[in-house]
Amino acid sequence: MSSSTSTPAGLSSDTLSSDAGALAGICWRLVEAQHRISTLKLVDSVDEQETLEDLIQASKPSVPPECQHLHYLLSTPFRYGAAYPIGSRFRRAGLTDGVFYAGESPEIAVAEMAFYRLLFYGESPGTPWPANPAEYTAFSAEYATRKAIDLSKGRYVKDKAAWMHLTDYAPCQAFADIARAAKIEVIRYRSVRDPQQGMNLALHTCRTFAKPKPTGQQTWHIRLSAAGAHAVCESPNSRMTYRREAFAADPRIARLRWDRDR
């Protein structure tokens, strides 16, 4: 039976099922590099750190059975048992199914991270800029599915404004409800944070991962200041700067107090 949930395009799960196609490739995601070293300062050896990390993992919400063979960087967004604190573009707040968000290049993933780091400071006007750049690990994963929808093509293009709204995620969340009912595994969509509007991916299930571990890794440093955000990768050599105006179309960034003490 088709879902009755409304979307901007008036779509049904039957429509999405008929439009679904194959999609495969490599996607990139950023995590704070602190995940590798945060516990090391609490122990006296790497063996003790491994034991501590195992205990921490055991205390976290459970990993779904279909994800348990995956590296934790791939399985973490799908953990059960914890409420999602606030809604995101294709996931509602609360006890909802996980989504693995990623970009089709590390540069897109970096742009997304830079935006959300600036947003944190926008929502914390009394917090000074960090004294040092933050270190992040960009990792890639291979994915493949026969059930993907591309919101940048076909009948979906006419609702581009809804899919790419800077702050209102309700249309995308409604679309995600329909997509799940249609067993859609991947949604491909344009990034509203990347200045080039490169493509992002929302993976709805860990079954889309073609390999159980990340396939590549880069180290990025992102420095925030009154001038904006500056991102640097040493290998391969890559540098990007997001000045004050880069994300100013978003009203939350437009209100950001740039001049603050360190």
Protein backbone atom coordinates (compact mmCIF):
# COMPACT_ATOMS: atom_id res chain seq x y z
CA MET A 1 0.00 0.00 0.00
CA SER A 2 1.31 3.46 -0.85
CA SER A 3 2.04 5.81 2.00
CA SER A 4 -0.33 8.73 2.41
CA THR A 5 2.32 11.05 3.82
CA SER A 6 2.45 14.29 1.83
CA THR A 7 5.60 15.61 0.19
CA PRO A 8 6.16 18.82 -1.83
CA ALA A 9 5.86 16.84 -5.05
CA GLY A 10 2.81 14.89 -3.89
CA LEU A 11 4.82 11.69 -4.19
CA SER A 12 3.87 8.20 -3.05
CA SER A 13 6.00 5.21 -2.13
CA ASP A 14 4.86 3.56 -5.39
CA THR A 15 6.23 6.53 -7.35
CA LEU A 16 9.56 6.39 -5.56
CA SER A 17 9.80 2.65 -6.09
CA SER A 18 9.32 3.09 -9.82
CA ASP A 19 11.87 5.93 -9.96
CA ALA A 20 14.54 4.14 -7.90
CA GLY A 21 17.76 3.21 -9.65
CA ALA A 22 21.20 1.80 -9.00
CA LEU A 23 23.89 3.97 -7.46
CA ALA A 24 27.41 3.14 -6.31
CA GLY A 25 30.60 4.99 -5.46
CA ILE A 26 32.68 6.44 -2.65
CA CYS A 27 31.42 8.85 -0.03
CA TRP A 28 33.26 10.93 2.58
CA ARG A 29 32.48 11.87 6.16
CA LEU A 30 34.35 13.88 8.84
CA VAL A 31 34.73 13.05 12.52
CA GLU A 32 36.75 14.79 15.19
CA ALA A 33 40.20 13.23 15.40
CA GLN A 34 39.79 13.37 19.17
CA HIS A 35 37.96 10.03 18.89
CA ARG A 36 41.38 8.36 18.59
CA ILE A 37 43.20 10.02 21.48
CA SER A 38 40.64 11.27 24.01
CA THR A 39 40.94 8.19 26.21
CA LEU A 40 44.73 7.84 25.97
CA LYS A 41 45.31 10.50 28.63
CA LEU A 42 43.25 8.43 31.08
CA VAL A 43 45.43 5.31 30.96
CA ASP A 44 49.06 4.22 31.24
CA SER A 45 49.37 2.05 28.13
CA VAL A 46 47.79 1.37 24.77
CA ASP A 47 46.59 -1.99 26.08
CA GLU A 48 44.70 -0.24 28.85
CA GLN A 49 43.31 2.19 26.31
CA GLU A 50 41.96 -0.69 24.23
CA THR A 51 40.27 -2.15 27.31
CA LEU A 52 38.77 1.24 28.17
CA GLU A 53 37.55 1.73 24.61
CA ASP A 54 35.87 -1.69 24.72
CA LEU A 55 34.09 -0.75 27.94
CA ILE A 56 32.92 2.55 26.44
CA GLN A 57 31.63 0.80 23.34
CA ALA A 58 29.73 -1.70 25.50
CA SER A 59 28.01 1.15 27.34
CA LYS A 60 26.70 2.76 24.15
CA PRO A 61 23.37 1.94 22.46
CA SER A 62 23.43 -1.37 20.63
CA VAL A 63 24.43 -1.76 17.00
CA PRO A 64 21.72 -3.35 14.80
CA PRO A 65 22.51 -6.97 13.85
CA GLU A 66 22.90 -6.08 10.17
CA CYS A 67 25.60 -3.52 11.09
CA GLN A 68 27.64 -5.52 13.58
CA HIS A 69 30.23 -6.62 11.01
CA LEU A 70 31.05 -3.00 10.17
CA HIS A 71 33.80 -0.73 11.47
CA TYR A 72 32.38 1.52 14.16
CA LEU A 73 32.82 4.64 12.01
CA LEU A 74 30.32 3.14 9.57
CA SER A 75 27.90 1.62 12.09
CA THR A 76 27.71 4.45 14.66
CA PRO A 77 24.93 6.50 12.95
CA PHE A 78 22.67 3.42 12.98
CA ARG A 79 22.91 2.60 16.70
CA TYR A 80 19.59 1.86 18.37
CA GLY A 81 18.31 2.80 21.80
CA ALA A 82 19.07 6.52 22.00
CA ALA A 83 16.83 9.40 21.00
CA TYR A 84 18.11 11.62 18.20
CA PRO A 85 18.35 14.99 19.99
CA ILE A 86 17.28 17.32 17.17
CA GLY A 87 16.04 16.70 13.67
CA SER A 88 18.33 16.80 10.63
CA ARG A 89 17.56 17.06 6.93
CA PHE A 90 16.36 13.48 6.43
CA ARG A 91 15.87 12.34 10.02
CA ARG A 92 13.27 13.40 12.54
CA ALA A 93 14.10 13.98 16.18
CA GLY A 94 13.37 11.24 18.69
CA LEU A 95 13.65 7.47 18.48
CA THR A 96 14.03 7.39 14.72
CA ASP A 97 16.02 5.25 12.30
CA GLY A 98 19.62 6.29 11.69
CA VAL A 99 21.04 8.08 8.66
CA PHE A 100 24.67 8.06 7.51
CA TYR A 101 25.28 11.50 5.99
CA ALA A 102 28.25 11.92 3.65
CA GLY A 103 29.56 13.95 0.74
CA GLU A 104 30.78 12.70 -2.61
CA SER A 105 34.17 14.33 -1.98
CA PRO A 106 36.17 15.23 1.13
CA GLU A 107 35.86 18.91 0.23
CA ILE A 108 32.07 18.72 0.46
CA ALA A 109 32.30 16.98 3.83
CA VAL A 110 34.72 19.66 5.05
CA ALA A 111 32.34 22.44 3.98
CA GLU A 112 29.53 20.77 5.94
CA MET A 113 31.74 20.47 9.03
CA ALA A 114 32.94 24.09 8.76
CA PHE A 115 29.35 25.29 8.62
CA TYR A 116 28.26 23.31 11.67
CA ARG A 117 31.28 24.37 13.69
CA LEU A 118 30.46 28.01 12.93
CA LEU A 119 26.82 27.32 13.79
CA PHE A 120 27.91 26.07 17.21
CA TYR A 121 29.61 29.40 17.88
CA GLY A 122 26.65 31.25 16.43
CA GLU A 123 24.48 29.60 19.06
CA SER A 124 27.12 30.26 21.78
CA PRO A 125 27.78 34.01 21.48
CA GLY A 126 29.80 34.11 24.69
CA THR A 127 32.20 31.36 23.68
CA PRO A 128 35.60 32.62 22.44
CA TRP A 129 37.14 31.32 19.24
CA PRO A 130 39.38 28.30 19.87
CA ALA A 131 43.05 29.14 20.19
CA ASN A 132 44.16 26.27 17.95
CA PRO A 133 42.82 24.57 14.83
CA ALA A 134 40.69 21.47 15.45
CA GLU A 135 41.83 18.20 13.91
CA TYR A 136 39.41 16.02 11.95
CA THR A 137 39.63 12.65 10.26
CA ALA A 138 38.01 12.46 6.85
CA PHE A 139 37.24 8.87 5.93
CA SER A 140 35.77 7.34 2.82
CA ALA A 141 33.43 4.39 2.42
CA GLU A 142 32.30 2.43 -0.60
CA TYR A 143 28.57 1.99 -1.10
CA ALA A 144 26.30 0.33 -3.64
CA THR A 145 22.54 0.04 -3.93
CA ARG A 146 19.85 -0.73 -6.46
CA LYS A 147 17.35 1.50 -4.62
CA ALA A 148 18.47 5.12 -4.81
CA ILE A 149 16.67 8.39 -5.54
CA ASP A 150 18.47 11.47 -6.89
CA LEU A 151 16.72 14.70 -5.90
CA SER A 152 18.73 16.68 -8.45
CA LYS A 153 17.19 14.88 -11.43
CA GLY A 154 13.88 14.19 -13.12
CA ARG A 155 10.58 15.05 -11.50
CA TYR A 156 12.33 16.04 -8.27
CA VAL A 157 14.08 19.10 -9.69
CA LYS A 158 10.94 21.27 -9.58
CA ASP A 159 10.95 21.03 -5.79
CA LYS A 160 14.60 22.04 -5.47
CA ALA A 161 13.69 24.94 -3.16
CA ALA A 162 12.09 22.53 -0.68
CA TRP A 163 14.95 20.03 -0.76
CA MET A 164 17.55 22.78 -0.34
CA HIS A 165 15.89 25.01 2.25
CA LEU A 166 18.55 26.28 4.63
CA THR A 167 16.61 25.81 7.87
CA ASP A 168 13.28 24.07 7.25
CA TYR A 169 13.82 20.30 7.02
CA ALA A 170 10.13 19.32 7.19
CA PRO A 171 9.74 18.62 3.42
CA CYS A 172 12.89 16.48 3.37
CA GLN A 173 11.83 14.60 6.49
CA ALA A 174 8.43 13.91 4.93
CA PHE A 175 10.19 12.70 1.79
CA ALA A 176 12.41 10.43 3.90
CA ASP A 177 9.32 8.86 5.47
CA ILE A 178 8.01 8.02 1.99
CA ALA A 179 11.44 6.81 0.91
CA ARG A 180 11.71 4.39 3.81
CA ALA A 181 8.24 3.04 3.06
CA ALA A 182 9.43 2.46 -0.52
CA LYS A 183 12.59 0.70 0.72
CA ILE A 184 14.79 3.44 -0.76
CA GLU A 185 18.29 2.96 0.63
CA VAL A 186 20.11 6.11 -0.54
CA ILE A 187 18.98 9.69 -1.20
CA ARG A 188 21.35 11.79 -3.31
CA TYR A 189 20.92 15.55 -2.92
CA ARG A 190 22.77 18.84 -3.32
CA SER A 191 24.67 20.28 -0.38
CA VAL A 192 23.42 23.69 0.70
CA ARG A 193 26.64 24.31 2.66
CA ASP A 194 29.20 23.56 -0.04
CA PRO A 195 29.77 26.74 -2.11
CA GLN A 196 29.82 24.60 -5.27
CA GLN A 197 26.62 22.78 -4.26
CA GLY A 198 28.27 19.40 -4.61
CA MET A 199 26.34 16.21 -3.97
CA ASN A 200 25.61 14.70 -0.57
CA LEU A 201 24.26 11.27 0.26
CA ALA A 202 21.88 10.10 2.96
CA LEU A 203 22.32 6.35 3.48
CA HIS A 204 19.26 4.91 5.21
CA THR A 205 20.70 1.49 5.91
CA CYS A 206 24.11 0.03 6.65
CA ARG A 207 23.39 -2.67 4.07
CA THR A 208 24.50 -0.20 1.41
CA PHE A 209 28.16 -0.37 2.46
CA ALA A 210 30.11 -2.42 -0.07
CA LYS A 211 33.07 -2.92 2.28
CA PRO A 212 33.04 -3.30 6.07
CA LYS A 213 35.78 -0.74 6.78
CA PRO A 214 36.64 2.79 5.63
CA THR A 215 38.62 2.68 2.40
CA GLY A 216 40.57 5.93 2.73
CA GLN A 217 41.55 8.53 5.28
CA GLN A 218 42.76 12.13 5.39
CA THR A 219 43.64 14.48 8.24
CA TRP A 220 42.17 17.97 8.13
CA HIS A 221 42.66 20.96 10.41
CA ILE A 222 39.93 23.61 10.61
CA ARG A 223 40.71 26.97 12.16
CA LEU A 224 37.88 29.31 13.16
CA SER A 225 38.38 33.04 13.65
CA ALA A 226 36.74 36.40 13.10
CA ALA A 227 37.70 36.06 9.42
CA GLY A 228 35.81 32.79 8.90
CA ALA A 229 36.89 29.16 8.66
CA HIS A 230 40.13 27.96 7.08
CA ALA A 231 40.60 24.24 6.34
CA VAL A 232 43.93 22.59 5.53
CA CYS A 233 44.83 19.05 4.52
CA GLU A 234 48.53 18.19 4.33
CA SER A 235 48.26 15.02 2.26
CA PRO A 236 46.97 15.40 -0.33
CA ASN A 237 47.69 19.10 -0.16
CA SER A 238 44.40 20.99 -0.13
CA ARG A 239 43.29 24.30 1.35
CA MET A 240 39.91 25.99 1.54
CA THR A 241 38.74 29.23 3.10
CA TYR A 242 35.15 30.08 4.02
CA ARG A 243 34.96 33.80 4.71
CA ARG A 244 32.25 35.50 6.73
CA GLU A 245 29.91 35.70 3.77
CA ALA A 246 30.31 32.05 2.73
CA PHE A 247 27.36 30.80 4.80
CA ALA A 248 25.64 34.15 5.47
CA ALA A 249 22.51 33.17 3.51
CA ASP A 250 21.62 31.07 6.55
CA PRO A 251 20.06 33.49 9.06
CA ARG A 252 21.76 31.74 11.97
CA ILE A 253 25.18 32.48 10.51
CA ALA A 254 24.13 35.97 9.43
CA ARG A 255 23.52 36.74 13.12
CA LEU A 256 26.84 35.25 14.24
CA ARG A 257 28.98 37.59 16.38
CA TRP A 258 32.33 37.33 14.63
CA ASP A 259 34.38 39.59 16.86
CA ARG A 260 34.98 37.79 20.13
CA ASP A 261 37.95 37.18 22.39
CA ARG A 262 39.95 33.99 22.22
